[in-house]
PDB file of N, CA and C in Angstrom:
ATOM      1  N   GLN A   1    -109.137-254.370  68.234  1.00  0.00           N
ATOM      2  CA  GLN A   1    -108.025-255.313  68.403  1.00  0.00           C
ATOM      3  C   GLN A   1    -106.891-254.627  69.146  1.00  0.00           C
ATOM      4  N   VAL A   2    -106.392-255.305  70.163  1.00  0.00           N
ATOM      5  CA  VAL A   2    -105.324-254.728  70.978  1.00  0.00           C
ATOM      6  C   VAL A   2    -104.001-254.854  70.234  1.00  0.00           C
ATOM      7  N   GLU A   3    -103.256-253.789  70.214  1.00  0.00           N
ATOM      8  CA  GLU A   3    -101.932-253.798  69.594  1.00  0.00           C
ATOM      9  C   GLU A   3    -100.917-253.268  70.584  1.00  0.00           C
ATOM     10  N   VAL A   4     -99.806-253.970  70.682  1.00  0.00           N
ATOM     11  CA  VAL A   4     -98.710-253.589  71.583  1.00  0.00           C
ATOM     12  C   VAL A   4     -97.475-253.349  70.725  1.00  0.00           C
ATOM     13  N   VAL A   5     -96.895-252.183  70.846  1.00  0.00           N
ATOM     14  CA  VAL A   5     -95.748-251.839  70.004  1.00  0.00           C
ATOM     15  C   VAL A   5     -94.605-251.328  70.870  1.00  0.00           C
ATOM     16  N   GLU A   6     -93.492-252.034  70.820  1.00  0.00           N
ATOM     17  CA  GLU A   6     -92.295-251.614  71.555  1.00  0.00           C
ATOM     18  C   GLU A   6     -91.421-250.739  70.660  1.00  0.00           C
ATOM     19  N   SER A   7     -90.667-249.871  71.290  1.00  0.00           N
ATOM     20  CA  SER A   7     -89.697-249.054  70.568  1.00  0.00           C
ATOM     21  C   SER A   7     -88.564-248.680  71.507  1.00  0.00           C
ATOM     22  N   GLY A   8     -87.476-248.205  70.913  1.00  0.00           N
ATOM     23  CA  GLY A   8     -86.367-247.731  71.723  1.00  0.00           C
ATOM     24  C   GLY A   8     -85.174-248.657  71.778  1.00  0.00           C
ATOM     25  N   GLY A   9     -85.272-249.797  71.158  1.00  0.00           N
ATOM     26  CA  GLY A   9     -84.138-250.723  71.159  1.00  0.00           C
ATOM     27  C   GLY A   9     -82.996-250.213  70.314  1.00  0.00           C
ATOM     28  N   GLY A  10     -81.855-250.884  70.448  1.00  0.00           N
ATOM     29  CA  GLY A  10     -80.691-250.486  69.681  1.00  0.00           C
ATOM     30  C   GLY A  10     -79.421-250.870  70.415  1.00  0.00           C
ATOM     31  N   PRO A  11     -78.286-250.398  69.939  1.00  0.00           N
ATOM     32  CA  PRO A  11     -77.022-250.720  70.585  1.00  0.00           C
ATOM     33  C   PRO A  11     -76.758-249.807  71.779  1.00  0.00           C
ATOM     34  N   VAL A  12     -76.035-250.333  72.741  1.00  0.00           N
ATOM     35  CA  VAL A  12     -75.634-249.553  73.906  1.00  0.00           C
ATOM     36  C   VAL A  12     -74.334-250.142  74.433  1.00  0.00           C
ATOM     37  N   GLN A  13     -73.488-249.297  74.934  1.00  0.00           N
ATOM     38  CA  GLN A  13     -72.213-249.752  75.480  1.00  0.00           C
ATOM     39  C   GLN A  13     -72.373-250.236  76.913  1.00  0.00           C
ATOM     40  N   PRO A  14     -71.523-251.140  77.355  1.00  0.00           N
ATOM     41  CA  PRO A  14     -71.581-251.574  78.765  1.00  0.00           C
ATOM     42  C   PRO A  14     -71.487-250.376  79.699  1.00  0.00           C
ATOM     43  N   GLY A  15     -72.342-250.380  80.688  1.00  0.00           N
ATOM     44  CA  GLY A  15     -72.411-249.254  81.615  1.00  0.00           C
ATOM     45  C   GLY A  15     -73.350-248.154  81.172  1.00  0.00           C
ATOM     46  N   GLY A  16     -73.847-248.250  79.966  1.00  0.00           N
ATOM     47  CA  GLY A  16     -74.723-247.221  79.426  1.00  0.00           C
ATOM     48  C   GLY A  16     -76.175-247.435  79.793  1.00  0.00           C
ATOM     49  N   SER A  17     -77.017-246.558  79.247  1.00  0.00           N
ATOM     50  CA  SER A  17     -78.449-246.574  79.549  1.00  0.00           C
ATOM     51  C   SER A  17     -79.267-246.569  78.271  1.00  0.00           C
ATOM     52  N   ARG A  18     -80.473-247.047  78.409  1.00  0.00           N
ATOM     53  CA  ARG A  18     -81.397-247.017  77.282  1.00  0.00           C
ATOM     54  C   ARG A  18     -82.805-247.067  77.852  1.00  0.00           C
ATOM     55  N   ARG A  19     -83.735-246.403  77.163  1.00  0.00           N
ATOM     56  CA  ARG A  19     -85.127-246.422  77.594  1.00  0.00           C
ATOM     57  C   ARG A  19     -85.997-247.016  76.509  1.00  0.00           C
ATOM     58  N   LEU A  20     -86.753-248.009  76.895  1.00  0.00           N
ATOM     59  CA  LEU A  20     -87.715-248.628  75.995  1.00  0.00           C
ATOM     60  C   LEU A  20     -89.113-248.078  76.267  1.00  0.00           C
ATOM     61  N   SER A  21     -89.890-248.006  75.213  1.00  0.00           N
ATOM     62  CA  SER A  21     -91.282-247.585  75.337  1.00  0.00           C
ATOM     63  C   SER A  21     -92.191-248.664  74.781  1.00  0.00           C
ATOM     64  N   CYS A  22     -93.389-248.707  75.328  1.00  0.00           N
ATOM     65  CA  CYS A  22     -94.376-249.680  74.856  1.00  0.00           C
ATOM     66  C   CYS A  22     -95.728-248.990  74.812  1.00  0.00           C
ATOM     67  N   ALA A  23     -96.261-248.858  73.618  1.00  0.00           N
ATOM     68  CA  ALA A  23     -97.557-248.210  73.441  1.00  0.00           C
ATOM     69  C   ALA A  23     -98.625-249.261  73.176  1.00  0.00           C
ATOM     70  N   VAL A  24     -99.720-249.125  73.893  1.00  0.00           N
ATOM     71  CA  VAL A  24    -100.835-250.063  73.742  1.00  0.00           C
ATOM     72  C   VAL A  24    -102.002-249.327  73.105  1.00  0.00           C
ATOM     73  N   SER A  25    -102.495-249.837  72.011  1.00  0.00           N
ATOM     74  CA  SER A  25    -103.639-249.237  71.340  1.00  0.00           C
ATOM     75  C   SER A  25    -104.753-250.266  71.223  1.00  0.00           C
ATOM     76  N   GLY A  26    -105.936-249.770  70.892  1.00  0.00           N
ATOM     77  CA  GLY A  26    -107.079-250.672  70.775  1.00  0.00           C
ATOM     78  C   GLY A  26    -107.756-250.950  72.103  1.00  0.00           C
ATOM     79  N   VAL A  27    -107.348-250.249  73.146  1.00  0.00           N
ATOM     80  CA  VAL A  27    -107.996-250.378  74.449  1.00  0.00           C
ATOM     81  C   VAL A  27    -108.333-248.984  74.944  1.00  0.00           C
ATOM     82  N   SER A  28    -109.394-248.909  75.734  1.00  0.00           N
ATOM     83  CA  SER A  28    -109.758-247.621  76.303  1.00  0.00           C
ATOM     84  C   SER A  28    -108.771-247.246  77.400  1.00  0.00           C
ATOM     85  N   GLY A  29    -108.787-245.982  77.753  1.00  0.00           N
ATOM     86  CA  GLY A  29    -107.909-245.528  78.823  1.00  0.00           C
ATOM     87  C   GLY A  29    -108.175-246.258  80.124  1.00  0.00           C
ATOM     88  N   ILE A  30    -109.445-246.523  80.406  1.00  0.00           N
ATOM     89  CA  ILE A  30    -109.783-247.235  81.640  1.00  0.00           C
ATOM     90  C   ILE A  30    -109.245-248.649  81.608  1.00  0.00           C
ATOM     91  N   ASN A  31    -109.385-249.325  80.482  1.00  0.00           N
ATOM     92  CA  ASN A  31    -108.882-250.696  80.401  1.00  0.00           C
ATOM     93  C   ASN A  31    -107.372-250.745  80.487  1.00  0.00           C
ATOM     94  N   PHE A  32    -106.707-249.744  79.948  1.00  0.00           N
ATOM     95  CA  PHE A  32    -105.258-249.726  80.104  1.00  0.00           C
ATOM     96  C   PHE A  32    -104.895-249.495  81.557  1.00  0.00           C
ATOM     97  N   ARG A  33    -105.577-248.551  82.185  1.00  0.00           N
ATOM     98  CA  ARG A  33    -105.268-248.199  83.566  1.00  0.00           C
ATOM     99  C   ARG A  33    -105.447-249.411  84.492  1.00  0.00           C
ATOM    100  N   PHE A  34    -106.410-250.265  84.198  1.00  0.00           N
ATOM    101  CA  PHE A  34    -106.668-251.418  85.049  1.00  0.00           C
ATOM    102  C   PHE A  34    -105.975-252.691  84.556  1.00  0.00           C
ATOM    103  N   GLY A  35    -105.095-252.529  83.607  1.00  0.00           N
ATOM    104  CA  GLY A  35    -104.338-253.668  83.126  1.00  0.00           C
ATOM    105  C   GLY A  35    -102.985-253.769  83.801  1.00  0.00           C
ATOM    106  N   ASP A  36    -102.431-254.971  83.807  1.00  0.00           N
ATOM    107  CA  ASP A  36    -101.080-255.201  84.315  1.00  0.00           C
ATOM    108  C   ASP A  36    -100.119-255.174  83.122  1.00  0.00           C
ATOM    109  N   MET A  37     -99.005-254.497  83.320  1.00  0.00           N
ATOM    110  CA  MET A  37     -98.019-254.380  82.243  1.00  0.00           C
ATOM    111  C   MET A  37     -96.706-255.008  82.678  1.00  0.00           C
ATOM    112  N   ALA A  38     -95.986-255.546  81.734  1.00  0.00           N
ATOM    113  CA  ALA A  38     -94.710-256.172  82.065  1.00  0.00           C
ATOM    114  C   ALA A  38     -93.780-256.152  80.867  1.00  0.00           C
ATOM    115  N   TRP A  39     -92.506-256.215  81.185  1.00  0.00           N
ATOM    116  CA  TRP A  39     -91.452-256.372  80.178  1.00  0.00           C
ATOM    117  C   TRP A  39     -90.814-257.747  80.377  1.00  0.00           C
ATOM    118  N   TYR A  40     -90.616-258.430  79.268  1.00  0.00           N
ATOM    119  CA  TYR A  40     -89.917-259.704  79.254  1.00  0.00           C
ATOM    120  C   TYR A  40     -88.737-259.566  78.288  1.00  0.00           C
ATOM    121  N   ARG A  41     -87.854-260.523  78.366  1.00  0.00           N
ATOM    122  CA  ARG A  41     -86.774-260.542  77.392  1.00  0.00           C
ATOM    123  C   ARG A  41     -86.371-261.983  77.087  1.00  0.00           C
ATOM    124  N   ARG A  42     -85.834-262.143  75.897  1.00  0.00           N
ATOM    125  CA  ARG A  42     -85.288-263.446  75.502  1.00  0.00           C
ATOM    126  C   ARG A  42     -83.895-263.217  74.956  1.00  0.00           C
ATOM    127  N   ALA A  43     -82.929-263.718  75.688  1.00  0.00           N
ATOM    128  CA  ALA A  43     -81.533-263.622  75.251  1.00  0.00           C
ATOM    129  C   ALA A  43     -81.212-264.802  74.341  1.00  0.00           C
ATOM    130  N   PRO A  44     -80.207-264.674  73.518  1.00  0.00           N
ATOM    131  CA  PRO A  44     -79.841-265.765  72.612  1.00  0.00           C
ATOM    132  C   PRO A  44     -79.588-267.055  73.373  1.00  0.00           C
ATOM    133  N   GLY A  45     -80.244-268.117  72.956  1.00  0.00           N
ATOM    134  CA  GLY A  45     -80.034-269.416  73.572  1.00  0.00           C
ATOM    135  C   GLY A  45     -80.680-269.597  74.928  1.00  0.00           C
ATOM    136  N   LYS A  46     -81.473-268.626  75.358  1.00  0.00           N
ATOM    137  CA  LYS A  46     -82.109-268.722  76.668  1.00  0.00           C
ATOM    138  C   LYS A  46     -83.617-268.624  76.549  1.00  0.00           C
ATOM    139  N   GLN A  47     -84.283-269.018  77.612  1.00  0.00           N
ATOM    140  CA  GLN A  47     -85.731-268.905  77.639  1.00  0.00           C
ATOM    141  C   GLN A  47     -86.142-267.480  77.954  1.00  0.00           C
ATOM    142  N   ARG A  48     -87.363-267.178  77.572  1.00  0.00           N
ATOM    143  CA  ARG A  48     -87.891-265.855  77.901  1.00  0.00           C
ATOM    144  C   ARG A  48     -88.023-265.705  79.405  1.00  0.00           C
ATOM    145  N   GLU A  49     -87.680-264.538  79.906  1.00  0.00           N
ATOM    146  CA  GLU A  49     -87.786-264.273  81.340  1.00  0.00           C
ATOM    147  C   GLU A  49     -88.481-262.943  81.558  1.00  0.00           C
ATOM    148  N   LYS A  50     -89.175-262.858  82.669  1.00  0.00           N
ATOM    149  CA  LYS A  50     -89.815-261.607  83.038  1.00  0.00           C
ATOM    150  C   LYS A  50     -88.788-260.686  83.653  1.00  0.00           C
ATOM    151  N   VAL A  51     -88.717-259.484  83.150  1.00  0.00           N
ATOM    152  CA  VAL A  51     -87.738-258.513  83.616  1.00  0.00           C
ATOM    153  C   VAL A  51     -88.341-257.599  84.679  1.00  0.00           C
ATOM    154  N   ALA A  52     -89.505-257.075  84.394  1.00  0.00           N
ATOM    155  CA  ALA A  52     -90.147-256.140  85.316  1.00  0.00           C
ATOM    156  C   ALA A  52     -91.638-256.088  85.029  1.00  0.00           C
ATOM    157  N   GLY A  53     -92.397-255.761  86.058  1.00  0.00           N
ATOM    158  CA  GLY A  53     -93.829-255.626  85.905  1.00  0.00           C
ATOM    159  C   GLY A  53     -94.353-254.486  86.743  1.00  0.00           C
ATOM    160  N   VAL A  54     -95.477-253.946  86.312  1.00  0.00           N
ATOM    161  CA  VAL A  54     -96.158-252.914  87.093  1.00  0.00           C
ATOM    162  C   VAL A  54     -97.654-253.214  87.034  1.00  0.00           C
ATOM    163  N   THR A  55     -98.253-253.323  88.206  1.00  0.00           N
ATOM    164  CA  THR A  55     -99.671-253.658  88.269  1.00  0.00           C
ATOM    165  C   THR A  55    -100.519-252.410  88.063  1.00  0.00           C
ATOM    166  N   ARG A  56    -101.823-252.643  88.002  1.00  0.00           N
ATOM    167  CA  ARG A  56    -102.737-251.515  87.839  1.00  0.00           C
ATOM    168  C   ARG A  56    -102.693-250.606  89.060  1.00  0.00           C
ATOM    169  N   SER A  57    -102.248-251.129  90.175  1.00  0.00           N
ATOM    170  CA  SER A  57    -102.120-250.327  91.393  1.00  0.00           C
ATOM    171  C   SER A  57    -100.795-249.589  91.457  1.00  0.00           C
ATOM    172  N   GLY A  58     -99.948-249.816  90.472  1.00  0.00           N
ATOM    173  CA  GLY A  58     -98.657-249.149  90.467  1.00  0.00           C
ATOM    174  C   GLY A  58     -97.570-249.892  91.212  1.00  0.00           C
ATOM    175  N   ILE A  59     -97.872-251.102  91.641  1.00  0.00           N
ATOM    176  CA  ILE A  59     -96.865-251.908  92.342  1.00  0.00           C
ATOM    177  C   ILE A  59     -95.916-252.503  91.306  1.00  0.00           C
ATOM    178  N   THR A  60     -94.626-252.325  91.563  1.00  0.00           N
ATOM    179  CA  THR A  60     -93.616-252.813  90.626  1.00  0.00           C
ATOM    180  C   THR A  60     -92.904-254.044  91.178  1.00  0.00           C
ATOM    181  N   ASN A  61     -92.386-254.839  90.270  1.00  0.00           N
ATOM    182  CA  ASN A  61     -91.572-255.989  90.653  1.00  0.00           C
ATOM    183  C   ASN A  61     -90.510-256.182  89.589  1.00  0.00           C
ATOM    184  N   TYR A  62     -89.364-256.724  90.017  1.00  0.00           N
ATOM    185  CA  TYR A  62     -88.217-256.862  89.126  1.00  0.00           C
ATOM    186  C   TYR A  62     -87.543-258.214  89.293  1.00  0.00           C
ATOM    187  N   ALA A  63     -86.942-258.664  88.215  1.00  0.00           N
ATOM    188  CA  ALA A  63     -86.079-259.826  88.307  1.00  0.00           C
ATOM    189  C   ALA A  63     -84.850-259.447  89.106  1.00  0.00           C
ATOM    190  N   ASP A  64     -84.307-260.411  89.838  1.00  0.00           N
ATOM    191  CA  ASP A  64     -83.130-260.124  90.663  1.00  0.00           C
ATOM    192  C   ASP A  64     -81.978-259.572  89.821  1.00  0.00           C
ATOM    193  N   SER A  65     -81.887-260.025  88.589  1.00  0.00           N
ATOM    194  CA  SER A  65     -80.759-259.641  87.740  1.00  0.00           C
ATOM    195  C   SER A  65     -80.793-258.163  87.338  1.00  0.00           C
ATOM    196  N   VAL A  66     -81.944-257.508  87.479  1.00  0.00           N
ATOM    197  CA  VAL A  66     -82.041-256.111  87.054  1.00  0.00           C
ATOM    198  C   VAL A  66     -82.399-255.164  88.189  1.00  0.00           C
ATOM    199  N   LYS A  67     -82.630-255.693  89.377  1.00  0.00           N
ATOM    200  CA  LYS A  67     -82.987-254.841  90.507  1.00  0.00           C
ATOM    201  C   LYS A  67     -81.909-253.795  90.752  1.00  0.00           C
ATOM    202  N   GLY A  68     -82.355-252.566  90.955  1.00  0.00           N
ATOM    203  CA  GLY A  68     -81.425-251.478  91.197  1.00  0.00           C
ATOM    204  C   GLY A  68     -80.869-250.860  89.926  1.00  0.00           C
ATOM    205  N   ARG A  69     -81.134-251.488  88.774  1.00  0.00           N
ATOM    206  CA  ARG A  69     -80.630-250.948  87.498  1.00  0.00           C
ATOM    207  C   ARG A  69     -81.755-250.552  86.554  1.00  0.00           C
ATOM    208  N   PHE A  70     -82.825-251.310  86.557  1.00  0.00           N
ATOM    209  CA  PHE A  70     -83.948-251.057  85.652  1.00  0.00           C
ATOM    210  C   PHE A  70     -85.114-250.451  86.438  1.00  0.00           C
ATOM    211  N   ILE A  71     -85.854-249.602  85.750  1.00  0.00           N
ATOM    212  CA  ILE A  71     -87.037-248.988  86.347  1.00  0.00           C
ATOM    213  C   ILE A  71     -88.191-249.075  85.354  1.00  0.00           C
ATOM    214  N   ILE A  72     -89.297-249.633  85.806  1.00  0.00           N
ATOM    215  CA  ILE A  72     -90.497-249.689  84.977  1.00  0.00           C
ATOM    216  C   ILE A  72     -91.464-248.617  85.451  1.00  0.00           C
ATOM    217  N   SER A  73     -92.105-247.969  84.519  1.00  0.00           N
ATOM    218  CA  SER A  73     -93.083-246.948  84.862  1.00  0.00           C
ATOM    219  C   SER A  73     -94.181-246.945  83.806  1.00  0.00           C
ATOM    220  N   ARG A  74     -95.300-246.349  84.161  1.00  0.00           N
ATOM    221  CA  ARG A  74     -96.406-246.300  83.209  1.00  0.00           C
ATOM    222  C   ARG A  74     -97.007-244.907  83.190  1.00  0.00           C
ATOM    223  N   ASP A  75     -97.492-244.546  82.025  1.00  0.00           N
ATOM    224  CA  ASP A  75     -98.202-243.283  81.840  1.00  0.00           C
ATOM    225  C   ASP A  75     -99.590-243.636  81.344  1.00  0.00           C
ATOM    226  N   ASN A  76    -100.532-243.662  82.262  1.00  0.00           N
ATOM    227  CA  ASN A  76    -101.881-244.079  81.899  1.00  0.00           C
ATOM    228  C   ASN A  76    -102.559-243.099  80.944  1.00  0.00           C
ATOM    229  N   GLY A  77    -102.104-241.861  80.960  1.00  0.00           N
ATOM    230  CA  GLY A  77    -102.676-240.880  80.046  1.00  0.00           C
ATOM    231  C   GLY A  77    -102.284-241.116  78.602  1.00  0.00           C
ATOM    232  N   LYS A  78    -101.187-241.868  78.421  1.00  0.00           N
ATOM    233  CA  LYS A  78    -100.682-242.141  77.069  1.00  0.00           C
ATOM    234  C   LYS A  78    -100.767-243.616  76.702  1.00  0.00           C
ATOM    235  N   ASN A  79    -101.371-244.419  77.565  1.00  0.00           N
ATOM    236  CA  ASN A  79    -101.418-245.869  77.324  1.00  0.00           C
ATOM    237  C   ASN A  79    -100.031-246.419  77.018  1.00  0.00           C
ATOM    238  N   THR A  80     -99.058-245.999  77.802  1.00  0.00           N
ATOM    239  CA  THR A  80     -97.667-246.344  77.521  1.00  0.00           C
ATOM    240  C   THR A  80     -96.954-246.779  78.792  1.00  0.00           C
ATOM    241  N   VAL A  81     -96.065-247.724  78.632  1.00  0.00           N
ATOM    242  CA  VAL A  81     -95.205-248.152  79.732  1.00  0.00           C
ATOM    243  C   VAL A  81     -93.762-248.036  79.267  1.00  0.00           C
ATOM    244  N   TYR A  82     -92.894-247.753  80.212  1.00  0.00           N
ATOM    245  CA  TYR A  82     -91.485-247.542  79.891  1.00  0.00           C
ATOM    246  C   TYR A  82     -90.606-248.497  80.689  1.00  0.00           C
ATOM    247  N   LEU A  83     -89.427-248.731  80.152  1.00  0.00           N
ATOM    248  CA  LEU A  83     -88.421-249.474  80.888  1.00  0.00           C
ATOM    249  C   LEU A  83     -87.112-248.710  80.763  1.00  0.00           C
ATOM    250  N   GLU A  84     -86.719-248.099  81.867  1.00  0.00           N
ATOM    251  CA  GLU A  84     -85.454-247.384  81.923  1.00  0.00           C
ATOM    252  C   GLU A  84     -84.383-248.369  82.348  1.00  0.00           C
ATOM    253  N   MET A  85     -83.381-248.540  81.510  1.00  0.00           N
ATOM    254  CA  MET A  85     -82.324-249.513  81.778  1.00  0.00           C
ATOM    255  C   MET A  85     -81.008-248.770  81.987  1.00  0.00           C
ATOM    256  N   ASN A  86     -80.398-248.967  83.130  1.00  0.00           N
ATOM    257  CA  ASN A  86     -79.167-248.276  83.476  1.00  0.00           C
ATOM    258  C   ASN A  86     -78.054-249.262  83.808  1.00  0.00           C
ATOM    259  N   ASN A  87     -76.833-248.766  83.725  1.00  0.00           N
ATOM    260  CA  ASN A  87     -75.663-249.599  84.039  1.00  0.00           C
ATOM    261  C   ASN A  87     -75.777-250.967  83.360  1.00  0.00           C
ATOM    262  N   MET A  88     -75.986-250.909  82.087  1.00  0.00           N
ATOM    263  CA  MET A  88     -76.261-252.127  81.339  1.00  0.00           C
ATOM    264  C   MET A  88     -75.017-252.990  81.173  1.00  0.00           C
ATOM    265  N   ASP A  89     -75.297-254.283  81.048  1.00  0.00           N
ATOM    266  CA  ASP A  89     -74.240-255.286  80.927  1.00  0.00           C
ATOM    267  C   ASP A  89     -74.493-256.116  79.675  1.00  0.00           C
ATOM    268  N   VAL A  90     -73.469-256.766  79.192  1.00  0.00           N
ATOM    269  CA  VAL A  90     -73.633-257.610  77.995  1.00  0.00           C
ATOM    270  C   VAL A  90     -74.702-258.675  78.213  1.00  0.00           C
ATOM    271  N   GLU A  91     -74.896-259.066  79.470  1.00  0.00           N
ATOM    272  CA  GLU A  91     -75.924-260.066  79.781  1.00  0.00           C
ATOM    273  C   GLU A  91     -77.336-259.528  79.560  1.00  0.00           C
ATOM    274  N   ASP A  92     -77.463-258.234  79.389  1.00  0.00           N
ATOM    275  CA  ASP A  92     -78.773-257.637  79.124  1.00  0.00           C
ATOM    276  C   ASP A  92     -79.137-257.681  77.642  1.00  0.00           C
ATOM    277  N   THR A  93     -78.225-258.139  76.821  1.00  0.00           N
ATOM    278  CA  THR A  93     -78.511-258.265  75.393  1.00  0.00           C
ATOM    279  C   THR A  93     -79.644-259.254  75.182  1.00  0.00           C
ATOM    280  N   ALA A  94     -80.681-258.802  74.508  1.00  0.00           N
ATOM    281  CA  ALA A  94     -81.863-259.645  74.319  1.00  0.00           C
ATOM    282  C   ALA A  94     -82.875-258.917  73.447  1.00  0.00           C
ATOM    283  N   VAL A  95     -83.885-259.660  73.056  1.00  0.00           N
ATOM    284  CA  VAL A  95     -85.074-259.045  72.481  1.00  0.00           C
ATOM    285  C   VAL A  95     -86.031-258.793  73.640  1.00  0.00           C
ATOM    286  N   TYR A  96     -86.480-257.571  73.758  1.00  0.00           N
ATOM    287  CA  TYR A  96     -87.358-257.185  74.852  1.00  0.00           C
ATOM    288  C   TYR A  96     -88.801-257.100  74.355  1.00  0.00           C
ATOM    289  N   TYR A  97     -89.681-257.733  75.106  1.00  0.00           N
ATOM    290  CA  TYR A  97     -91.081-257.791  74.742  1.00  0.00           C
ATOM    291  C   TYR A  97     -91.937-257.130  75.821  1.00  0.00           C
ATOM    292  N   CYS A  98     -92.971-256.485  75.363  1.00  0.00           N
ATOM    293  CA  CYS A  98     -93.925-255.859  76.263  1.00  0.00           C
ATOM    294  C   CYS A  98     -95.200-256.683  76.293  1.00  0.00           C
ATOM    295  N   ASN A  99     -95.796-256.764  77.467  1.00  0.00           N
ATOM    296  CA  ASN A  99     -97.017-257.551  77.650  1.00  0.00           C
ATOM    297  C   ASN A  99     -98.075-256.736  78.369  1.00  0.00           C
ATOM    298  N   TYR A 100     -99.278-256.781  77.801  1.00  0.00           N
ATOM    299  CA  TYR A 100    -100.439-256.152  78.420  1.00  0.00           C
ATOM    300  C   TYR A 100    -101.429-257.258  78.786  1.00  0.00           C
ATOM    301  N   LYS A 101    -101.863-257.225  80.036  1.00  0.00           N
ATOM    302  CA  LYS A 101    -102.783-258.253  80.482  1.00  0.00           C
ATOM    303  C   LYS A 101    -103.938-257.611  81.244  1.00  0.00           C
ATOM    304  N   ARG A 102    -105.140-257.938  80.793  1.00  0.00           N
ATOM    305  CA  ARG A 102    -106.336-257.393  81.441  1.00  0.00           C
ATOM    306  C   ARG A 102    -107.473-258.364  81.189  1.00  0.00           C
ATOM    307  N   MET A 103    -107.924-259.006  82.247  1.00  0.00           N
ATOM    308  CA  MET A 103    -108.990-260.004  82.171  1.00  0.00           C
ATOM    309  C   MET A 103    -108.607-261.090  81.155  1.00  0.00           C
ATOM    310  N   VAL A 104    -109.341-261.261  80.090  1.00  0.00           N
ATOM    311  CA  VAL A 104    -109.039-262.339  79.133  1.00  0.00           C
ATOM    312  C   VAL A 104    -108.048-261.906  78.066  1.00  0.00           C
ATOM    313  N   VAL A 105    -107.677-260.650  78.079  1.00  0.00           N
ATOM    314  CA  VAL A 105    -106.752-260.147  77.062  1.00  0.00           C
ATOM    315  C   VAL A 105    -105.316-260.327  77.536  1.00  0.00           C
ATOM    316  N   ASP A 106    -104.521-260.935  76.693  1.00  0.00           N
ATOM    317  CA  ASP A 106    -103.107-261.162  76.989  1.00  0.00           C
ATOM    318  C   ASP A 106    -102.355-260.861  75.695  1.00  0.00           C
ATOM    319  N   ALA A 107    -101.891-259.620  75.549  1.00  0.00           N
ATOM    320  CA  ALA A 107    -101.345-259.161  74.277  1.00  0.00           C
ATOM    321  C   ALA A 107     -99.849-258.912  74.367  1.00  0.00           C
ATOM    322  N   TRP A 108     -99.160-259.256  73.295  1.00  0.00           N
ATOM    323  CA  TRP A 108     -97.696-259.126  73.234  1.00  0.00           C
ATOM    324  C   TRP A 108     -97.304-258.292  72.022  1.00  0.00           C
ATOM    325  N   GLY A 109     -96.190-257.609  72.174  1.00  0.00           N
ATOM    326  CA  GLY A 109     -95.615-256.902  71.051  1.00  0.00           C
ATOM    327  C   GLY A 109     -94.670-257.794  70.275  1.00  0.00           C
ATOM    328  N   GLN A 110     -94.105-257.250  69.221  1.00  0.00           N
ATOM    329  CA  GLN A 110     -93.190-258.002  68.358  1.00  0.00           C
ATOM    330  C   GLN A 110     -91.772-258.028  68.925  1.00  0.00           C
ATOM    331  N   GLY A 111     -91.494-257.169  69.862  1.00  0.00           N
ATOM    332  CA  GLY A 111     -90.175-257.152  70.482  1.00  0.00           C
ATOM    333  C   GLY A 111     -89.267-256.103  69.879  1.00  0.00           C
ATOM    334  N   THR A 112     -88.299-255.687  70.662  1.00  0.00           N
ATOM    335  CA  THR A 112     -87.293-254.740  70.201  1.00  0.00           C
ATOM    336  C   THR A 112     -85.928-255.216  70.687  1.00  0.00           C
ATOM    337  N   GLN A 113     -84.972-255.227  69.781  1.00  0.00           N
ATOM    338  CA  GLN A 113     -83.644-255.778  70.092  1.00  0.00           C
ATOM    339  C   GLN A 113     -82.796-254.749  70.824  1.00  0.00           C
ATOM    340  N   VAL A 114     -82.186-255.190  71.898  1.00  0.00           N
ATOM    341  CA  VAL A 114     -81.216-254.385  72.627  1.00  0.00           C
ATOM    342  C   VAL A 114     -79.900-255.155  72.649  1.00  0.00           C
ATOM    343  N   THR A 115     -78.851-254.513  72.202  1.00  0.00           N
ATOM    344  CA  THR A 115     -77.545-255.169  72.144  1.00  0.00           C
ATOM    345  C   THR A 115     -76.533-254.352  72.935  1.00  0.00           C
ATOM    346  N   VAL A 116     -75.974-254.975  73.955  1.00  0.00           N
ATOM    347  CA  VAL A 116     -74.969-254.318  74.784  1.00  0.00           C
ATOM    348  C   VAL A 116     -73.601-254.834  74.368  1.00  0.00           C
ATOM    349  N   SER A 117     -72.800-253.936  73.855  1.00  0.00           N
ATOM    350  CA  SER A 117     -71.496-254.345  73.328  1.00  0.00           C
ATOM    351  C   SER A 117     -70.571-253.149  73.278  1.00  0.00           C
ATOM    352  N   SER A 118     -69.293-253.428  73.482  1.00  0.00           N
ATOM    353  CA  SER A 118     -68.306-252.358  73.360  1.00  0.00           C
ATOM    354  C   SER A 118     -67.752-252.309  71.948  1.00  0.00           C
TER     355      SER A 118
END
């Protein structure tokens, strides 16, 4: 059974940085390597939105709202993906979710809360 676990959430001040991690278990290294990974978020009162993604080829994509501030990366040796968040704004306050997608598998984590506040 595939399990996705996010970590690294917490409070951060405006202009600050935070790094989220997402560990995927229950899949082989090859299946992780050939899977697409993404971070989504849901802010209070808003719909879930895709923040960043990284394909199995290493191609990254970002929402316009985070371009130039957030960086997604993956470590295939650890079955882990990261989201480096910089120059954070109160608008980045949300629950952040990690998604692993590979063929028929579409797995989500429980989410980790990030709160940007002074």
